[in-house]
Amino acid sequence: MTAANVHDTHELFPLVDSVPAVRLPSGQRRFRPAKLHGDKAYASRKNRSGLRLRGIAARIARSGVESKERL
């Protein structure tokens, strides 16, 4: 829980880090999601580099380039 005026991007990494392990059909466990889909509010260098460090592919709409409907 956060205050109403806290931007969503401040809670991105705590949320991604708290995702529980998911069992794949082959029996392995994946501890992080493979991709993260987000709207233009998450399109910052800090968010993209943080996801890259965690091994997560960022699929985030870029302002003026992509439409959020394509996600």
C-alpha atoms as a PDB file:
ATOM      1  CA  MET A   1       0.000   0.000   0.000  1.00  0.00           C
ATOM      2  CA  THR A   2       1.176   3.462  -0.859  1.00  0.00           C
ATOM      3  CA  ALA A   3      -0.259   6.930  -0.588  1.00  0.00           C
ATOM      4  CA  ALA A   4      -2.564   8.126  -3.340  1.00  0.00           C
ATOM      5  CA  ASN A   5      -0.047  10.601  -4.733  1.00  0.00           C
ATOM      6  CA  VAL A   6       2.868   8.112  -5.147  1.00  0.00           C
ATOM      7  CA  HIS A   7       3.665   7.392  -8.795  1.00  0.00           C
ATOM      8  CA  ASP A   8       3.343   3.764  -9.925  1.00  0.00           C
ATOM      9  CA  THR A   9       6.950   3.592 -11.128  1.00  0.00           C
ATOM     10  CA  HIS A  10       8.224   3.827  -7.537  1.00  0.00           C
ATOM     11  CA  GLU A  11       6.582   0.491  -6.787  1.00  0.00           C
ATOM     12  CA  LEU A  12       7.654  -1.298  -9.984  1.00  0.00           C
ATOM     13  CA  PHE A  13      10.765  -3.039  -8.627  1.00  0.00           C
ATOM     14  CA  PRO A  14       9.302  -4.083  -5.249  1.00  0.00           C
ATOM     15  CA  LEU A  15       6.378  -5.596  -7.171  1.00  0.00           C
ATOM     16  CA  VAL A  16       8.606  -7.429  -9.672  1.00  0.00           C
ATOM     17  CA  ASP A  17      10.873  -8.688  -6.875  1.00  0.00           C
ATOM     18  CA  SER A  18       7.919 -10.045  -4.893  1.00  0.00           C
ATOM     19  CA  VAL A  19       6.528 -12.231  -7.707  1.00  0.00           C
ATOM     20  CA  PRO A  20       6.498 -15.831  -6.401  1.00  0.00           C
ATOM     21  CA  ALA A  21       8.144 -18.704  -8.277  1.00  0.00           C
ATOM     22  CA  VAL A  22       6.013 -20.236 -11.022  1.00  0.00           C
ATOM     23  CA  ARG A  23       6.283 -23.893 -11.995  1.00  0.00           C
ATOM     24  CA  LEU A  24       6.700 -24.376 -15.732  1.00  0.00           C
ATOM     25  CA  PRO A  25       5.252 -27.412 -17.593  1.00  0.00           C
ATOM     26  CA  SER A  26       8.731 -28.972 -17.785  1.00  0.00           C
ATOM     27  CA  GLY A  27       8.975 -29.032 -13.978  1.00  0.00           C
ATOM     28  CA  GLN A  28      11.454 -26.175 -13.625  1.00  0.00           C
ATOM     29  CA  ARG A  29      10.670 -23.098 -11.594  1.00  0.00           C
ATOM     30  CA  ARG A  30      10.947 -19.642 -13.046  1.00  0.00           C
ATOM     31  CA  PHE A  31      11.606 -17.041 -10.372  1.00  0.00           C
ATOM     32  CA  ARG A  32      11.097 -13.958 -12.520  1.00  0.00           C
ATOM     33  CA  PRO A  33       8.730 -13.163 -15.363  1.00  0.00           C
ATOM     34  CA  ALA A  34      10.241 -13.289 -18.871  1.00  0.00           C
ATOM     35  CA  LYS A  35       8.617 -10.036 -20.053  1.00  0.00           C
ATOM     36  CA  LEU A  36       6.976  -7.013 -18.541  1.00  0.00           C
ATOM     37  CA  HIS A  37       4.301  -5.186 -20.530  1.00  0.00           C
ATOM     38  CA  GLY A  38       3.681  -1.594 -19.494  1.00  0.00           C
ATOM     39  CA  ASP A  39       2.255   1.671 -20.695  1.00  0.00           C
ATOM     40  CA  LYS A  40       4.128   4.901 -21.399  1.00  0.00           C
ATOM     41  CA  ALA A  41       4.297   5.857 -17.710  1.00  0.00           C
ATOM     42  CA  TYR A  42       6.962   3.156 -17.183  1.00  0.00           C
ATOM     43  CA  ALA A  43       9.143   4.193 -20.158  1.00  0.00           C
ATOM     44  CA  SER A  44      12.168   5.552 -18.316  1.00  0.00           C
ATOM     45  CA  ARG A  45      15.827   4.572 -18.572  1.00  0.00           C
ATOM     46  CA  LYS A  46      15.869   3.681 -14.871  1.00  0.00           C
ATOM     47  CA  ASN A  47      12.984   1.220 -15.292  1.00  0.00           C
ATOM     48  CA  ARG A  48      14.388  -0.332 -18.465  1.00  0.00           C
ATOM     49  CA  SER A  49      17.871  -0.776 -16.992  1.00  0.00           C
ATOM     50  CA  GLY A  50      16.479  -2.180 -13.731  1.00  0.00           C
ATOM     51  CA  LEU A  51      14.456  -4.744 -15.639  1.00  0.00           C
ATOM     52  CA  ARG A  52      17.457  -5.598 -17.813  1.00  0.00           C
ATOM     53  CA  LEU A  53      19.561  -6.218 -14.680  1.00  0.00           C
ATOM     54  CA  ARG A  54      16.872  -8.632 -13.470  1.00  0.00           C
ATOM     55  CA  GLY A  55      16.833 -10.492 -16.811  1.00  0.00           C
ATOM     56  CA  ILE A  56      13.347  -9.302 -17.761  1.00  0.00           C
ATOM     57  CA  ALA A  57      12.521  -8.129 -21.279  1.00  0.00           C
ATOM     58  CA  ALA A  58      10.768  -4.753 -21.161  1.00  0.00           C
ATOM     59  CA  ARG A  59       7.826  -4.358 -23.538  1.00  0.00           C
ATOM     60  CA  ILE A  60       6.970  -0.755 -22.746  1.00  0.00           C
ATOM     61  CA  ALA A  61       5.310   1.667 -25.166  1.00  0.00           C
ATOM     62  CA  ARG A  62       7.526   4.610 -26.085  1.00  0.00           C
ATOM     63  CA  SER A  63       6.027   8.071 -26.078  1.00  0.00           C
ATOM     64  CA  GLY A  64       5.337   9.319 -29.597  1.00  0.00           C
ATOM     65  CA  VAL A  65       6.386   6.047 -31.210  1.00  0.00           C
ATOM     66  CA  GLU A  66       4.058   3.250 -30.145  1.00  0.00           C
ATOM     67  CA  SER A  67       0.447   3.102 -29.155  1.00  0.00           C
ATOM     68  CA  LYS A  68      -0.563   1.511 -25.859  1.00  0.00           C
ATOM     69  CA  GLU A  69      -3.180  -0.540 -27.736  1.00  0.00           C
ATOM     70  CA  ARG A  70      -0.403  -2.558 -29.429  1.00  0.00           C
ATOM     71  CA  LEU A  71       0.702  -3.959 -26.096  1.00  0.00           C
END
